Amino acid sequence: MDIKRKIREFMLSEFKNVGFNENILDDESLVNADILDSLSVLKLISFLDEEFKIELEEDELNPERLDSIDKIASLIKKKYPEL
């Protein structure tokens, strides 16, 4: 399973209207690029739950923990190393 590819596909489908595009780098800040806000974080969390069956702890719901594709993928791999 290519975690980063799945995240990127989701981001392209859901956040293209706020500026997410193919040129966004995996380590680029999604908060600084004004792609992630409180509503989009909720959409992202819902996607992670549906796609990866991942349940995030309260301290993991922080936008800074989900600030880039790299950080999101690392969080998933940390919680579920078998993926």
C-alpha atoms as a PDB file:
ATOM      1  CA  MET A   1       0.000   0.000   0.000  1.00  0.00           C
ATOM      2  CA  ASP A   2       1.393   3.372  -0.968  1.00  0.00           C
ATOM      3  CA  ILE A   3       0.241   5.583   1.890  1.00  0.00           C
ATOM      4  CA  LYS A   4       1.529   8.856   0.452  1.00  0.00           C
ATOM      5  CA  ARG A   5      -0.152   8.190  -2.899  1.00  0.00           C
ATOM      6  CA  LYS A   6      -3.511   7.572  -1.207  1.00  0.00           C
ATOM      7  CA  ILE A   7      -3.155  10.741   0.870  1.00  0.00           C
ATOM      8  CA  ARG A   8      -2.197  12.759  -2.193  1.00  0.00           C
ATOM      9  CA  GLU A   9      -5.158  11.412  -4.201  1.00  0.00           C
ATOM     10  CA  PHE A  10      -7.518  12.344  -1.385  1.00  0.00           C
ATOM     11  CA  MET A  11      -5.995  15.812  -1.051  1.00  0.00           C
ATOM     12  CA  LEU A  12      -6.265  16.398  -4.803  1.00  0.00           C
ATOM     13  CA  SER A  13      -9.924  15.409  -4.848  1.00  0.00           C
ATOM     14  CA  GLU A  14     -10.971  17.264  -1.698  1.00  0.00           C
ATOM     15  CA  PHE A  15      -8.710  20.319  -1.495  1.00  0.00           C
ATOM     16  CA  LYS A  16      -7.986  21.294  -5.085  1.00  0.00           C
ATOM     17  CA  ASN A  17     -10.364  24.248  -4.721  1.00  0.00           C
ATOM     18  CA  VAL A  18      -8.196  25.704  -1.929  1.00  0.00           C
ATOM     19  CA  GLY A  19      -4.912  25.311  -3.749  1.00  0.00           C
ATOM     20  CA  PHE A  20      -3.756  21.713  -3.343  1.00  0.00           C
ATOM     21  CA  ASN A  21      -2.208  20.577  -6.610  1.00  0.00           C
ATOM     22  CA  GLU A  22       0.256  18.086  -8.074  1.00  0.00           C
ATOM     23  CA  ASN A  23       3.161  20.470  -7.399  1.00  0.00           C
ATOM     24  CA  ILE A  24       2.754  20.408  -3.612  1.00  0.00           C
ATOM     25  CA  LEU A  25       5.793  18.615  -2.184  1.00  0.00           C
ATOM     26  CA  ASP A  26       5.434  15.833   0.381  1.00  0.00           C
ATOM     27  CA  ASP A  27       7.223  17.928   3.014  1.00  0.00           C
ATOM     28  CA  GLU A  28       5.466  21.217   2.191  1.00  0.00           C
ATOM     29  CA  SER A  29       3.419  22.822   4.982  1.00  0.00           C
ATOM     30  CA  LEU A  30      -0.278  22.468   4.247  1.00  0.00           C
ATOM     31  CA  VAL A  31      -1.123  24.997   6.979  1.00  0.00           C
ATOM     32  CA  ASN A  32       1.244  27.650   5.603  1.00  0.00           C
ATOM     33  CA  ALA A  33      -0.149  27.043   2.110  1.00  0.00           C
ATOM     34  CA  ASP A  34      -3.658  27.746   3.504  1.00  0.00           C
ATOM     35  CA  ILE A  35      -4.836  24.275   2.497  1.00  0.00           C
ATOM     36  CA  LEU A  36      -5.540  22.955   6.000  1.00  0.00           C
ATOM     37  CA  ASP A  37      -7.893  24.732   8.344  1.00  0.00           C
ATOM     38  CA  SER A  38     -10.174  23.369  11.053  1.00  0.00           C
ATOM     39  CA  LEU A  39     -12.801  22.105   8.592  1.00  0.00           C
ATOM     40  CA  SER A  40     -10.303  20.479   6.246  1.00  0.00           C
ATOM     41  CA  VAL A  41      -8.575  18.813   9.216  1.00  0.00           C
ATOM     42  CA  LEU A  42     -11.916  17.190  10.077  1.00  0.00           C
ATOM     43  CA  LYS A  43     -12.277  15.958   6.480  1.00  0.00           C
ATOM     44  CA  LEU A  44      -8.727  14.606   6.606  1.00  0.00           C
ATOM     45  CA  ILE A  45      -9.335  12.819   9.905  1.00  0.00           C
ATOM     46  CA  SER A  46     -12.505  11.259   8.505  1.00  0.00           C
ATOM     47  CA  PHE A  47     -10.562  10.063   5.437  1.00  0.00           C
ATOM     48  CA  LEU A  48      -7.809   8.560   7.624  1.00  0.00           C
ATOM     49  CA  ASP A  49     -10.414   6.714   9.650  1.00  0.00           C
ATOM     50  CA  GLU A  50     -12.225   5.379   6.569  1.00  0.00           C
ATOM     51  CA  GLU A  51      -9.181   4.565   4.443  1.00  0.00           C
ATOM     52  CA  PHE A  52      -6.684   3.311   7.034  1.00  0.00           C
ATOM     53  CA  LYS A  53      -8.977   2.504   9.993  1.00  0.00           C
ATOM     54  CA  ILE A  54      -6.803   4.833  12.046  1.00  0.00           C
ATOM     55  CA  GLU A  55      -8.074   6.328  15.280  1.00  0.00           C
ATOM     56  CA  LEU A  56      -6.233   9.440  16.365  1.00  0.00           C
ATOM     57  CA  GLU A  57      -5.686  10.447  19.971  1.00  0.00           C
ATOM     58  CA  GLU A  58      -6.656  13.955  21.046  1.00  0.00           C
ATOM     59  CA  ASP A  59      -3.045  15.218  20.917  1.00  0.00           C
ATOM     60  CA  GLU A  60      -2.729  13.902  17.342  1.00  0.00           C
ATOM     61  CA  LEU A  61      -5.627  16.047  16.115  1.00  0.00           C
ATOM     62  CA  ASN A  62      -3.383  19.094  16.103  1.00  0.00           C
ATOM     63  CA  PRO A  63      -3.011  20.627  12.596  1.00  0.00           C
ATOM     64  CA  GLU A  64       0.777  20.791  13.075  1.00  0.00           C
ATOM     65  CA  ARG A  65       0.844  16.976  13.405  1.00  0.00           C
ATOM     66  CA  LEU A  66      -0.981  16.769  10.049  1.00  0.00           C
ATOM     67  CA  ASP A  67       0.890  19.633   8.369  1.00  0.00           C
ATOM     68  CA  SER A  68       2.343  17.761   5.390  1.00  0.00           C
ATOM     69  CA  ILE A  69       1.907  14.555   3.466  1.00  0.00           C
ATOM     70  CA  ASP A  70       5.147  13.319   5.058  1.00  0.00           C
ATOM     71  CA  LYS A  71       3.842  14.020   8.585  1.00  0.00           C
ATOM     72  CA  ILE A  72       0.489  12.374   7.880  1.00  0.00           C
ATOM     73  CA  ALA A  73       2.185   9.277   6.432  1.00  0.00           C
ATOM     74  CA  SER A  74       4.607   9.116   9.392  1.00  0.00           C
ATOM     75  CA  LEU A  75       1.732   9.295  11.845  1.00  0.00           C
ATOM     76  CA  ILE A  76      -0.045   6.420  10.077  1.00  0.00           C
ATOM     77  CA  LYS A  77       3.135   4.318   9.959  1.00  0.00           C
ATOM     78  CA  LYS A  78       3.854   5.037  13.637  1.00  0.00           C
ATOM     79  CA  LYS A  79       0.398   3.879  14.689  1.00  0.00           C
ATOM     80  CA  TYR A  80       0.230   0.979  12.227  1.00  0.00           C
ATOM     81  CA  PRO A  81       3.738  -0.157  11.225  1.00  0.00           C
ATOM     82  CA  GLU A  82       2.315  -3.108   9.304  1.00  0.00           C
ATOM     83  CA  LEU A  83       0.869  -0.800   6.627  1.00  0.00           C
END
